[in-house]
PDB file of N, CA and C in Angstrom:
ATOM      1  N   MET A   1       0.818  -1.204   0.000  1.00  0.00           N
ATOM      2  CA  MET A   1       0.000   0.000   0.000  1.00  0.00           C
ATOM      3  C   MET A   1       0.856   1.260   0.000  1.00  0.00           C
ATOM      4  N   HIS A   2       2.120   1.155   0.423  1.00  0.00           N
ATOM      5  CA  HIS A   2       2.941   2.364   0.444  1.00  0.00           C
ATOM      6  C   HIS A   2       3.238   2.871  -0.964  1.00  0.00           C
ATOM      7  N   GLU A   3       3.016   2.038  -1.993  1.00  0.00           N
ATOM      8  CA  GLU A   3       3.203   2.484  -3.366  1.00  0.00           C
ATOM      9  C   GLU A   3       2.254   3.633  -3.707  1.00  0.00           C
ATOM     10  N   TYR A   4       1.081   3.659  -3.093  1.00  0.00           N
ATOM     11  CA  TYR A   4       0.129   4.757  -3.319  1.00  0.00           C
ATOM     12  C   TYR A   4       0.769   6.087  -2.952  1.00  0.00           C
ATOM     13  N   PHE A   5       1.337   6.166  -1.777  1.00  0.00           N
ATOM     14  CA  PHE A   5       1.935   7.406  -1.294  1.00  0.00           C
ATOM     15  C   PHE A   5       3.219   7.742  -2.060  1.00  0.00           C
ATOM     16  N   VAL A   6       3.984   6.726  -2.397  1.00  0.00           N
ATOM     17  CA  VAL A   6       5.205   6.922  -3.187  1.00  0.00           C
ATOM     18  C   VAL A   6       4.837   7.462  -4.565  1.00  0.00           C
ATOM     19  N   THR A   7       3.797   6.925  -5.157  1.00  0.00           N
ATOM     20  CA  THR A   7       3.358   7.371  -6.481  1.00  0.00           C
ATOM     21  C   THR A   7       2.844   8.800  -6.423  1.00  0.00           C
ATOM     22  N   GLN A   8       2.131   9.163  -5.372  1.00  0.00           N
ATOM     23  CA  GLN A   8       1.681  10.549  -5.198  1.00  0.00           C
ATOM     24  C   GLN A   8       2.875  11.497  -5.223  1.00  0.00           C
ATOM     25  N   GLN A   9       3.924  11.156  -4.494  1.00  0.00           N
ATOM     26  CA  GLN A   9       5.116  11.998  -4.439  1.00  0.00           C
ATOM     27  C   GLN A   9       5.826  12.037  -5.789  1.00  0.00           C
ATOM     28  N   LEU A  10       5.893  10.908  -6.453  1.00  0.00           N
ATOM     29  CA  LEU A  10       6.501  10.837  -7.780  1.00  0.00           C
ATOM     30  C   LEU A  10       5.795  11.796  -8.733  1.00  0.00           C
ATOM     31  N   ILE A  11       4.477  11.779  -8.723  1.00  0.00           N
ATOM     32  CA  ILE A  11       3.675  12.643  -9.587  1.00  0.00           C
ATOM     33  C   ILE A  11       3.885  14.106  -9.227  1.00  0.00           C
ATOM     34  N   LYS A  12       3.915  14.413  -7.952  1.00  0.00           N
ATOM     35  CA  LYS A  12       4.128  15.795  -7.505  1.00  0.00           C
ATOM     36  C   LYS A  12       5.487  16.312  -7.965  1.00  0.00           C
ATOM     37  N   ILE A  13       6.513  15.509  -7.814  1.00  0.00           N
ATOM     38  CA  ILE A  13       7.859  15.907  -8.244  1.00  0.00           C
ATOM     39  C   ILE A  13       7.886  16.150  -9.753  1.00  0.00           C
ATOM     40  N   ALA A  14       7.288  15.240 -10.510  1.00  0.00           N
ATOM     41  CA  ALA A  14       7.254  15.387 -11.970  1.00  0.00           C
ATOM     42  C   ALA A  14       6.486  16.647 -12.370  1.00  0.00           C
ATOM     43  N   GLU A  15       5.332  16.879 -11.761  1.00  0.00           N
ATOM     44  CA  GLU A  15       4.542  18.077 -12.082  1.00  0.00           C
ATOM     45  C   GLU A  15       5.315  19.349 -11.746  1.00  0.00           C
ATOM     46  N   ASP A  16       6.010  19.356 -10.630  1.00  0.00           N
ATOM     47  CA  ASP A  16       6.813  20.524 -10.254  1.00  0.00           C
ATOM     48  C   ASP A  16       7.905  20.790 -11.282  1.00  0.00           C
ATOM     49  N   GLU A  17       8.549  19.729 -11.781  1.00  0.00           N
ATOM     50  CA  GLU A  17       9.596  19.870 -12.790  1.00  0.00           C
ATOM     51  C   GLU A  17       9.029  20.379 -14.114  1.00  0.00           C
ATOM     52  N   LEU A  18       7.793  20.004 -14.415  1.00  0.00           N
ATOM     53  CA  LEU A  18       7.187  20.355 -15.695  1.00  0.00           C
ATOM     54  C   LEU A  18       6.578  21.752 -15.716  1.00  0.00           C
ATOM     55  N   LYS A  19       6.416  22.382 -14.560  1.00  0.00           N
ATOM     56  CA  LYS A  19       5.778  23.708 -14.496  1.00  0.00           C
ATOM     57  C   LYS A  19       6.508  24.738 -15.342  1.00  0.00           C
ATOM     58  N   GLU A  20       7.821  24.708 -15.335  1.00  0.00           N
ATOM     59  CA  GLU A  20       8.592  25.707 -16.071  1.00  0.00           C
ATOM     60  C   GLU A  20       8.512  25.530 -17.576  1.00  0.00           C
ATOM     61  N   ILE A  21       8.546  24.296 -18.060  1.00  0.00           N
ATOM     62  CA  ILE A  21       8.578  24.086 -19.511  1.00  0.00           C
ATOM     63  C   ILE A  21       7.201  23.993 -20.141  1.00  0.00           C
ATOM     64  N   LYS A  22       6.184  23.726 -19.351  1.00  0.00           N
ATOM     65  CA  LYS A  22       4.797  23.665 -19.814  1.00  0.00           C
ATOM     66  C   LYS A  22       4.656  22.899 -21.137  1.00  0.00           C
ATOM     67  N   PRO A  23       4.927  21.598 -21.103  1.00  0.00           N
ATOM     68  CA  PRO A  23       4.847  20.817 -22.344  1.00  0.00           C
ATOM     69  C   PRO A  23       3.408  20.627 -22.803  1.00  0.00           C
ATOM     70  N   LYS A  24       3.268  20.333 -24.096  1.00  0.00           N
ATOM     71  CA  LYS A  24       1.952  20.020 -24.651  1.00  0.00           C
ATOM     72  C   LYS A  24       1.405  18.757 -23.981  1.00  0.00           C
ATOM     73  N   ARG A  25       2.295  17.755 -23.868  1.00  0.00           N
ATOM     74  CA  ARG A  25       1.927  16.536 -23.155  1.00  0.00           C
ATOM     75  C   ARG A  25       3.185  15.791 -22.730  1.00  0.00           C
ATOM     76  N   VAL A  26       3.010  14.884 -21.795  1.00  0.00           N
ATOM     77  CA  VAL A  26       4.120  14.066 -21.307  1.00  0.00           C
ATOM     78  C   VAL A  26       3.994  12.695 -21.953  1.00  0.00           C
ATOM     79  N   LEU A  27       5.083  12.243 -22.566  1.00  0.00           N
ATOM     80  CA  LEU A  27       5.067  10.949 -23.245  1.00  0.00           C
ATOM     81  C   LEU A  27       5.412   9.812 -22.290  1.00  0.00           C
ATOM     82  N   SER A  28       6.461  10.022 -21.491  1.00  0.00           N
ATOM     83  CA  SER A  28       6.863   8.958 -20.569  1.00  0.00           C
ATOM     84  C   SER A  28       7.677   9.516 -19.402  1.00  0.00           C
ATOM     85  N   ILE A  29       7.678   8.742 -18.349  1.00  0.00           N
ATOM     86  CA  ILE A  29       8.521   9.021 -17.182  1.00  0.00           C
ATOM     87  C   ILE A  29       9.278   7.735 -16.901  1.00  0.00           C
ATOM     88  N   LYS A  30      10.593   7.856 -16.796  1.00  0.00           N
ATOM     89  CA  LYS A  30      11.420   6.694 -16.490  1.00  0.00           C
ATOM     90  C   LYS A  30      11.893   6.814 -15.049  1.00  0.00           C
ATOM     91  N   VAL A  31      11.617   5.768 -14.278  1.00  0.00           N
ATOM     92  CA  VAL A  31      12.060   5.739 -12.887  1.00  0.00           C
ATOM     93  C   VAL A  31      13.014   4.576 -12.669  1.00  0.00           C
ATOM     94  N   ILE A  32      13.934   4.787 -11.755  1.00  0.00           N
ATOM     95  CA  ILE A  32      14.876   3.754 -11.357  1.00  0.00           C
ATOM     96  C   ILE A  32      14.390   3.203 -10.024  1.00  0.00           C
ATOM     97  N   VAL A  33      14.262   1.884  -9.946  1.00  0.00           N
ATOM     98  CA  VAL A  33      13.781   1.230  -8.733  1.00  0.00           C
ATOM     99  C   VAL A  33      14.764   0.126  -8.343  1.00  0.00           C
ATOM    100  N   GLY A  34      15.368   0.277  -7.189  1.00  0.00           N
ATOM    101  CA  GLY A  34      16.280  -0.742  -6.693  1.00  0.00           C
ATOM    102  C   GLY A  34      15.514  -1.959  -6.198  1.00  0.00           C
ATOM    103  N   GLU A  35      16.105  -3.120  -6.368  1.00  0.00           N
ATOM    104  CA  GLU A  35      15.412  -4.355  -5.989  1.00  0.00           C
ATOM    105  C   GLU A  35      15.174  -4.459  -4.484  1.00  0.00           C
ATOM    106  N   LEU A  36      15.896  -3.681  -3.690  1.00  0.00           N
ATOM    107  CA  LEU A  36      15.689  -3.698  -2.235  1.00  0.00           C
ATOM    108  C   LEU A  36      14.873  -2.507  -1.744  1.00  0.00           C
ATOM    109  N   SER A  37      14.297  -1.753  -2.666  1.00  0.00           N
ATOM    110  CA  SER A  37      13.541  -0.555  -2.289  1.00  0.00           C
ATOM    111  C   SER A  37      12.200  -0.889  -1.642  1.00  0.00           C
ATOM    112  N   GLY A  38      11.718  -2.097  -1.868  1.00  0.00           N
ATOM    113  CA  GLY A  38      10.419  -2.485  -1.325  1.00  0.00           C
ATOM    114  C   GLY A  38       9.257  -2.054  -2.195  1.00  0.00           C
ATOM    115  N   ILE A  39       9.540  -1.508  -3.361  1.00  0.00           N
ATOM    116  CA  ILE A  39       8.494  -1.027  -4.261  1.00  0.00           C
ATOM    117  C   ILE A  39       8.163  -2.115  -5.274  1.00  0.00           C
ATOM    118  N   ILE A  40       6.881  -2.379  -5.415  1.00  0.00           N
ATOM    119  CA  ILE A  40       6.404  -3.399  -6.342  1.00  0.00           C
ATOM    120  C   ILE A  40       6.000  -2.720  -7.643  1.00  0.00           C
ATOM    121  N   ASP A  41       6.651  -3.118  -8.731  1.00  0.00           N
ATOM    122  CA  ASP A  41       6.445  -2.486 -10.038  1.00  0.00           C
ATOM    123  C   ASP A  41       4.979  -2.423 -10.448  1.00  0.00           C
ATOM    124  N   GLU A  42       4.278  -3.525 -10.333  1.00  0.00           N
ATOM    125  CA  GLU A  42       2.883  -3.585 -10.780  1.00  0.00           C
ATOM    126  C   GLU A  42       2.010  -2.607 -10.002  1.00  0.00           C
ATOM    127  N   SER A  43       2.243  -2.499  -8.706  1.00  0.00           N
ATOM    128  CA  SER A  43       1.470  -1.561  -7.879  1.00  0.00           C
ATOM    129  C   SER A  43       1.797  -0.126  -8.261  1.00  0.00           C
ATOM    130  N   LEU A  44       3.060   0.151  -8.503  1.00  0.00           N
ATOM    131  CA  LEU A  44       3.475   1.495  -8.906  1.00  0.00           C
ATOM    132  C   LEU A  44       2.803   1.890 -10.212  1.00  0.00           C
ATOM    133  N   LYS A  45       2.780   0.979 -11.184  1.00  0.00           N
ATOM    134  CA  LYS A  45       2.134   1.255 -12.474  1.00  0.00           C
ATOM    135  C   LYS A  45       0.630   1.452 -12.308  1.00  0.00           C
ATOM    136  N   PHE A  46       0.009   0.613 -11.480  1.00  0.00           N
ATOM    137  CA  PHE A  46      -1.429   0.725 -11.251  1.00  0.00           C
ATOM    138  C   PHE A  46      -1.780   2.091 -10.661  1.00  0.00           C
ATOM    139  N   TYR A  47      -1.106   2.476  -9.596  1.00  0.00           N
ATOM    140  CA  TYR A  47      -1.390   3.764  -8.953  1.00  0.00           C
ATOM    141  C   TYR A  47      -1.019   4.935  -9.854  1.00  0.00           C
ATOM    142  N   PHE A  48       0.018   4.787 -10.657  1.00  0.00           N
ATOM    143  CA  PHE A  48       0.385   5.841 -11.596  1.00  0.00           C
ATOM    144  C   PHE A  48      -0.754   6.102 -12.570  1.00  0.00           C
ATOM    145  N   ASP A  49      -1.314   5.035 -13.137  1.00  0.00           N
ATOM    146  CA  ASP A  49      -2.432   5.185 -14.078  1.00  0.00           C
ATOM    147  C   ASP A  49      -3.652   5.820 -13.409  1.00  0.00           C
ATOM    148  N   VAL A  50      -3.929   5.435 -12.174  1.00  0.00           N
ATOM    149  CA  VAL A  50      -5.091   5.961 -11.458  1.00  0.00           C
ATOM    150  C   VAL A  50      -4.878   7.425 -11.062  1.00  0.00           C
ATOM    151  N   LEU A  51      -3.717   7.726 -10.493  1.00  0.00           N
ATOM    152  CA  LEU A  51      -3.470   9.057  -9.927  1.00  0.00           C
ATOM    153  C   LEU A  51      -3.127  10.128 -10.960  1.00  0.00           C
ATOM    154  N   THR A  52      -2.786   9.735 -12.182  1.00  0.00           N
ATOM    155  CA  THR A  52      -2.461  10.749 -13.195  1.00  0.00           C
ATOM    156  C   THR A  52      -3.681  11.206 -13.987  1.00  0.00           C
ATOM    157  N   LYS A  53      -4.820  10.570 -13.773  1.00  0.00           N
ATOM    158  CA  LYS A  53      -6.034  10.987 -14.487  1.00  0.00           C
ATOM    159  C   LYS A  53      -6.338  12.451 -14.158  1.00  0.00           C
ATOM    160  N   GLY A  54      -6.557  13.238 -15.201  1.00  0.00           N
ATOM    161  CA  GLY A  54      -6.872  14.650 -15.018  1.00  0.00           C
ATOM    162  C   GLY A  54      -5.648  15.533 -14.792  1.00  0.00           C
ATOM    163  N   THR A  55      -4.452  14.980 -14.945  1.00  0.00           N
ATOM    164  CA  THR A  55      -3.225  15.767 -14.766  1.00  0.00           C
ATOM    165  C   THR A  55      -2.479  15.837 -16.098  1.00  0.00           C
ATOM    166  N   ILE A  56      -1.428  16.630 -16.151  1.00  0.00           N
ATOM    167  CA  ILE A  56      -0.583  16.727 -17.337  1.00  0.00           C
ATOM    168  C   ILE A  56       0.058  15.375 -17.670  1.00  0.00           C
ATOM    169  N   LEU A  57       0.128  14.494 -16.686  1.00  0.00           N
ATOM    170  CA  LEU A  57       0.758  13.187 -16.878  1.00  0.00           C
ATOM    171  C   LEU A  57      -0.192  12.118 -17.398  1.00  0.00           C
ATOM    172  N   GLU A  58      -1.473  12.445 -17.483  1.00  0.00           N
ATOM    173  CA  GLU A  58      -2.445  11.450 -17.940  1.00  0.00           C
ATOM    174  C   GLU A  58      -2.071  10.942 -19.330  1.00  0.00           C
ATOM    175  N   GLY A  59      -2.066   9.628 -19.489  1.00  0.00           N
ATOM    176  CA  GLY A  59      -1.748   9.004 -20.763  1.00  0.00           C
ATOM    177  C   GLY A  59      -0.268   8.751 -20.985  1.00  0.00           C
ATOM    178  N   SER A  60       0.565   9.249 -20.085  1.00  0.00           N
ATOM    179  CA  SER A  60       2.003   9.007 -20.236  1.00  0.00           C
ATOM    180  C   SER A  60       2.335   7.590 -19.791  1.00  0.00           C
ATOM    181  N   LYS A  61       3.468   7.114 -20.261  1.00  0.00           N
ATOM    182  CA  LYS A  61       3.907   5.758 -19.944  1.00  0.00           C
ATOM    183  C   LYS A  61       4.908   5.804 -18.790  1.00  0.00           C
ATOM    184  N   LEU A  62       4.722   4.944 -17.820  1.00  0.00           N
ATOM    185  CA  LEU A  62       5.678   4.819 -16.726  1.00  0.00           C
ATOM    186  C   LEU A  62       6.634   3.685 -17.059  1.00  0.00           C
ATOM    187  N   GLU A  63       7.895   4.042 -17.255  1.00  0.00           N
ATOM    188  CA  GLU A  63       8.924   3.047 -17.546  1.00  0.00           C
ATOM    189  C   GLU A  63       9.723   2.815 -16.273  1.00  0.00           C
ATOM    190  N   ILE A  64       9.881   1.559 -15.911  1.00  0.00           N
ATOM    191  CA  ILE A  64      10.593   1.209 -14.682  1.00  0.00           C
ATOM    192  C   ILE A  64      11.846   0.416 -15.037  1.00  0.00           C
ATOM    193  N   GLU A  65      12.979   0.922 -14.571  1.00  0.00           N
ATOM    194  CA  GLU A  65      14.237   0.196 -14.742  1.00  0.00           C
ATOM    195  C   GLU A  65      14.679  -0.316 -13.375  1.00  0.00           C
ATOM    196  N   GLN A  66      14.817  -1.611 -13.280  1.00  0.00           N
ATOM    197  CA  GLN A  66      15.243  -2.248 -12.030  1.00  0.00           C
ATOM    198  C   GLN A  66      16.760  -2.171 -11.879  1.00  0.00           C
ATOM    199  N   LYS A  67      17.217  -1.854 -10.684  1.00  0.00           N
ATOM    200  CA  LYS A  67      18.649  -1.880 -10.368  1.00  0.00           C
ATOM    201  C   LYS A  67      18.910  -3.010  -9.386  1.00  0.00           C
ATOM    202  N   LYS A  68      19.908  -3.798  -9.697  1.00  0.00           N
ATOM    203  CA  LYS A  68      20.293  -4.921  -8.839  1.00  0.00           C
ATOM    204  C   LYS A  68      20.950  -4.407  -7.559  1.00  0.00           C
ATOM    205  N   ALA A  69      20.794  -5.177  -6.510  1.00  0.00           N
ATOM    206  CA  ALA A  69      21.474  -4.870  -5.252  1.00  0.00           C
ATOM    207  C   ALA A  69      22.941  -5.256  -5.370  1.00  0.00           C
ATOM    208  N   LEU A  70      23.794  -4.422  -4.826  1.00  0.00           N
ATOM    209  CA  LEU A  70      25.216  -4.728  -4.775  1.00  0.00           C
ATOM    210  C   LEU A  70      25.640  -4.870  -3.324  1.00  0.00           C
ATOM    211  N   LEU A  71      26.441  -5.875  -3.065  1.00  0.00           N
ATOM    212  CA  LEU A  71      27.017  -6.080  -1.740  1.00  0.00           C
ATOM    213  C   LEU A  71      28.494  -5.715  -1.800  1.00  0.00           C
ATOM    214  N   PHE A  72      29.068  -5.475  -0.633  1.00  0.00           N
ATOM    215  CA  PHE A  72      30.481  -5.135  -0.550  1.00  0.00           C
ATOM    216  C   PHE A  72      31.195  -6.172   0.292  1.00  0.00           C
ATOM    217  N   CYS A  73      32.329  -6.628  -0.208  1.00  0.00           N
ATOM    218  CA  CYS A  73      33.133  -7.616   0.509  1.00  0.00           C
ATOM    219  C   CYS A  73      34.253  -6.885   1.245  1.00  0.00           C
ATOM    220  N   ASN A  74      34.252  -6.983   2.571  1.00  0.00           N
ATOM    221  CA  ASN A  74      35.298  -6.352   3.368  1.00  0.00           C
ATOM    222  C   ASN A  74      36.638  -7.065   3.216  1.00  0.00           C
ATOM    223  N   ALA A  75      36.613  -8.314   2.820  1.00  0.00           N
ATOM    224  CA  ALA A  75      37.853  -9.085   2.691  1.00  0.00           C
ATOM    225  C   ALA A  75      38.649  -8.689   1.445  1.00  0.00           C
ATOM    226  N   CYS A  76      37.980  -8.637   0.291  1.00  0.00           N
ATOM    227  CA  CYS A  76      38.712  -8.315  -0.943  1.00  0.00           C
ATOM    228  C   CYS A  76      38.348  -6.944  -1.510  1.00  0.00           C
ATOM    229  N   HIS A  77      37.477  -6.233  -0.802  1.00  0.00           N
ATOM    230  CA  HIS A  77      37.092  -4.851  -1.163  1.00  0.00           C
ATOM    231  C   HIS A  77      36.481  -4.737  -2.558  1.00  0.00           C
ATOM    232  N   GLU A  78      35.651  -5.701  -2.889  1.00  0.00           N
ATOM    233  CA  GLU A  78      34.965  -5.722  -4.179  1.00  0.00           C
ATOM    234  C   GLU A  78      33.452  -5.598  -3.967  1.00  0.00           C
ATOM    235  N   TYR A  79      32.792  -4.952  -4.920  1.00  0.00           N
ATOM    236  CA  TYR A  79      31.334  -4.956  -4.964  1.00  0.00           C
ATOM    237  C   TYR A  79      30.907  -6.133  -5.823  1.00  0.00           C
ATOM    238  N   PHE A  80      29.785  -6.741  -5.462  1.00  0.00           N
ATOM    239  CA  PHE A  80      29.263  -7.844  -6.258  1.00  0.00           C
ATOM    240  C   PHE A  80      27.749  -7.882  -6.151  1.00  0.00           C
ATOM    241  N   GLU A  81      27.108  -8.449  -7.190  1.00  0.00           N
ATOM    242  CA  GLU A  81      25.652  -8.572  -7.166  1.00  0.00           C
ATOM    243  C   GLU A  81      25.245  -9.546  -6.070  1.00  0.00           C
ATOM    244  N   ARG A  82      24.109  -9.255  -5.494  1.00  0.00           N
ATOM    245  CA  ARG A  82      23.591 -10.078  -4.403  1.00  0.00           C
ATOM    246  C   ARG A  82      23.485 -11.529  -4.842  1.00  0.00           C
ATOM    247  N   THR A  83      23.952 -12.394  -3.977  1.00  0.00           N
ATOM    248  CA  THR A  83      23.846 -13.830  -4.210  1.00  0.00           C
ATOM    249  C   THR A  83      22.898 -14.409  -3.170  1.00  0.00           C
ATOM    250  N   LYS A  84      22.474 -15.618  -3.393  1.00  0.00           N
ATOM    251  CA  LYS A  84      21.531 -16.266  -2.478  1.00  0.00           C
ATOM    252  C   LYS A  84      22.077 -16.323  -1.054  1.00  0.00           C
ATOM    253  N   ASP A  85      23.367 -16.614  -0.933  1.00  0.00           N
ATOM    254  CA  ASP A  85      23.967 -16.773   0.396  1.00  0.00           C
ATOM    255  C   ASP A  85      24.813 -15.570   0.834  1.00  0.00           C
ATOM    256  N   PHE A  86      24.810 -14.484   0.032  1.00  0.00           N
ATOM    257  CA  PHE A  86      25.536 -13.248   0.338  1.00  0.00           C
ATOM    258  C   PHE A  86      27.054 -13.437   0.350  1.00  0.00           C
ATOM    259  N   LEU A  87      27.545 -14.520  -0.254  1.00  0.00           N
ATOM    260  CA  LEU A  87      28.980 -14.773  -0.272  1.00  0.00           C
ATOM    261  C   LEU A  87      29.628 -14.157  -1.507  1.00  0.00           C
ATOM    262  N   CYS A  88      30.783 -13.557  -1.306  1.00  0.00           N
ATOM    263  CA  CYS A  88      31.546 -12.952  -2.386  1.00  0.00           C
ATOM    264  C   CYS A  88      31.975 -14.043  -3.369  1.00  0.00           C
ATOM    265  N   PRO A  89      31.692 -13.873  -4.642  1.00  0.00           N
ATOM    266  CA  PRO A  89      32.076 -14.892  -5.619  1.00  0.00           C
ATOM    267  C   PRO A  89      33.601 -14.996  -5.804  1.00  0.00           C
ATOM    268  N   LYS A  90      34.316 -13.957  -5.421  1.00  0.00           N
ATOM    269  CA  LYS A  90      35.768 -13.945  -5.603  1.00  0.00           C
ATOM    270  C   LYS A  90      36.494 -14.666  -4.465  1.00  0.00           C
ATOM    271  N   CYS A  91      36.125 -14.333  -3.196  1.00  0.00           N
ATOM    272  CA  CYS A  91      36.883 -14.894  -2.071  1.00  0.00           C
ATOM    273  C   CYS A  91      36.023 -15.699  -1.096  1.00  0.00           C
ATOM    274  N   LYS A  92      34.714 -15.745  -1.330  1.00  0.00           N
ATOM    275  CA  LYS A  92      33.741 -16.504  -0.519  1.00  0.00           C
ATOM    276  C   LYS A  92      33.514 -15.932   0.881  1.00  0.00           C
ATOM    277  N   ALA A  93      33.980 -14.701   1.137  1.00  0.00           N
ATOM    278  CA  ALA A  93      33.701 -14.039   2.417  1.00  0.00           C
ATOM    279  C   ALA A  93      32.264 -13.504   2.379  1.00  0.00           C
ATOM    280  N   LEU A  94      31.694 -13.285   3.530  1.00  0.00           N
ATOM    281  CA  LEU A  94      30.332 -12.763   3.635  1.00  0.00           C
ATOM    282  C   LEU A  94      30.317 -11.287   3.264  1.00  0.00           C
ATOM    283  N   GLY A  95      29.446 -10.924   2.325  1.00  0.00           N
ATOM    284  CA  GLY A  95      29.309  -9.533   1.907  1.00  0.00           C
ATOM    285  C   GLY A  95      28.290  -8.808   2.754  1.00  0.00           C
ATOM    286  N   LYS A  96      28.341  -7.486   2.708  1.00  0.00           N
ATOM    287  CA  LYS A  96      27.355  -6.693   3.450  1.00  0.00           C
ATOM    288  C   LYS A  96      26.571  -5.826   2.476  1.00  0.00           C
ATOM    289  N   LEU A  97      25.324  -5.545   2.832  1.00  0.00           N
ATOM    290  CA  LEU A  97      24.462  -4.727   1.991  1.00  0.00           C
ATOM    291  C   LEU A  97      25.012  -3.317   1.889  1.00  0.00           C
ATOM    292  N   THR A  98      24.743  -2.690   0.753  1.00  0.00           N
ATOM    293  CA  THR A  98      25.129  -1.304   0.514  1.00  0.00           C
ATOM    294  C   THR A  98      23.864  -0.528   0.149  1.00  0.00           C
ATOM    295  N   GLN A  99      24.025   0.709  -0.241  1.00  0.00           N
ATOM    296  CA  GLN A  99      22.886   1.509  -0.694  1.00  0.00           C
ATOM    297  C   GLN A  99      22.479   1.161  -2.126  1.00  0.00           C
ATOM    298  N   TYR A 100      23.351   0.458  -2.838  1.00  0.00           N
ATOM    299  CA  TYR A 100      23.032   0.053  -4.208  1.00  0.00           C
ATOM    300  C   TYR A 100      21.942  -1.015  -4.183  1.00  0.00           C
ATOM    301  N   GLY A 101      20.824  -0.676  -4.796  1.00  0.00           N
ATOM    302  CA  GLY A 101      19.680  -1.577  -4.802  1.00  0.00           C
ATOM    303  C   GLY A 101      18.514  -1.014  -4.006  1.00  0.00           C
ATOM    304  N   LYS A 102      18.735   0.115  -3.333  1.00  0.00           N
ATOM    305  CA  LYS A 102      17.674   0.763  -2.555  1.00  0.00           C
ATOM    306  C   LYS A 102      17.169   2.033  -3.251  1.00  0.00           C
ATOM    307  N   GLU A 103      17.649   2.261  -4.461  1.00  0.00           N
ATOM    308  CA  GLU A 103      17.317   3.474  -5.186  1.00  0.00           C
ATOM    309  C   GLU A 103      15.839   3.583  -5.536  1.00  0.00           C
ATOM    310  N   PHE A 104      15.387   4.818  -5.638  1.00  0.00           N
ATOM    311  CA  PHE A 104      14.083   5.120  -6.215  1.00  0.00           C
ATOM    312  C   PHE A 104      14.102   6.596  -6.600  1.00  0.00           C
ATOM    313  N   TYR A 105      14.156   6.844  -7.912  1.00  0.00           N
ATOM    314  CA  TYR A 105      14.194   8.231  -8.373  1.00  0.00           C
ATOM    315  C   TYR A 105      13.759   8.317  -9.836  1.00  0.00           C
ATOM    316  N   ILE A 106      13.413   9.539 -10.242  1.00  0.00           N
ATOM    317  CA  ILE A 106      13.058   9.795 -11.636  1.00  0.00           C
ATOM    318  C   ILE A 106      14.345   9.965 -12.422  1.00  0.00           C
ATOM    319  N   GLU A 107      14.512   9.140 -13.445  1.00  0.00           N
ATOM    320  CA  GLU A 107      15.683   9.218 -14.317  1.00  0.00           C
ATOM    321  C   GLU A 107      15.471  10.264 -15.409  1.00  0.00           C
ATOM    322  N   SER A 108      14.273  10.246 -16.024  1.00  0.00           N
ATOM    323  CA  SER A 108      14.008  11.183 -17.114  1.00  0.00           C
ATOM    324  C   SER A 108      12.506  11.338 -17.334  1.00  0.00           C
ATOM    325  N   ILE A 109      12.162  12.450 -17.982  1.00  0.00           N
ATOM    326  CA  ILE A 109      10.782  12.722 -18.376  1.00  0.00           C
ATOM    327  C   ILE A 109      10.822  13.109 -19.850  1.00  0.00           C
ATOM    328  N   GLU A 110      10.102  12.367 -20.679  1.00  0.00           N
ATOM    329  CA  GLU A 110      10.037  12.662 -22.110  1.00  0.00           C
ATOM    330  C   GLU A 110       8.743  13.410 -22.394  1.00  0.00           C
ATOM    331  N   VAL A 111       8.873  14.556 -23.054  1.00  0.00           N
ATOM    332  CA  VAL A 111       7.697  15.405 -23.316  1.00  0.00           C
ATOM    333  C   VAL A 111       7.561  15.722 -24.797  1.00  0.00           C
ATOM    334  N   ASP A 112       6.358  16.108 -25.160  1.00  0.00           N
ATOM    335  CA  ASP A 112       6.062  16.645 -26.482  1.00  0.00           C
ATOM    336  C   ASP A 112       5.743  18.110 -26.238  1.00  0.00           C
ATOM    337  N   ASP A 113       6.633  18.994 -26.698  1.00  0.00           N
ATOM    338  CA  ASP A 113       6.411  20.410 -26.443  1.00  0.00           C
ATOM    339  C   ASP A 113       5.660  21.098 -27.582  1.00  0.00           C
ATOM    340  N   GLY A 114       5.284  20.325 -28.594  1.00  0.00           N
ATOM    341  CA  GLY A 114       4.481  20.877 -29.681  1.00  0.00           C
ATOM    342  C   GLY A 114       5.300  21.463 -30.811  1.00  0.00           C
ATOM    343  N   ASP A 115       6.618  21.598 -30.630  1.00  0.00           N
ATOM    344  CA  ASP A 115       7.478  22.130 -31.686  1.00  0.00           C
ATOM    345  C   ASP A 115       7.793  21.042 -32.692  1.00  0.00           C
ATOM    346  N   GLU A 116       7.654  21.340 -33.947  1.00  0.00           N
ATOM    347  CA  GLU A 116       7.977  20.383 -35.002  1.00  0.00           C
ATOM    348  C   GLU A 116       9.419  20.548 -35.455  1.00  0.00           C
ATOM    349  N   ASN A 117      10.089  21.615 -35.039  1.00  0.00           N
ATOM    350  CA  ASN A 117      11.462  21.899 -35.475  1.00  0.00           C
ATOM    351  C   ASN A 117      12.472  21.102 -34.738  1.00  0.00           C
TER     352      ASN A 117
END
């Protein structure tokens, strides 16, 4: 259910960014979602479609790019993608979670400003 509130904020941020350029319409919004962010893609898309009705974002496409979680190995000082057992593939030491994979932000907004040039 927290996707509802997250989507509200996403829409508010996008609308605030669009106030200055006043596009004819918004074609798409690309968001980055880390696999450890706790955000469920399907719920985000559902609430986006519902909450953008009647706004400048209505009819735009929500594109979601997933980012893998990265762990850090204190033994060999390498980052690696999360494994089932959290073990470093290089030295087999236990890795620790990092901020990589917890992301959630707007990467880009594609607009149609009505100019044909």
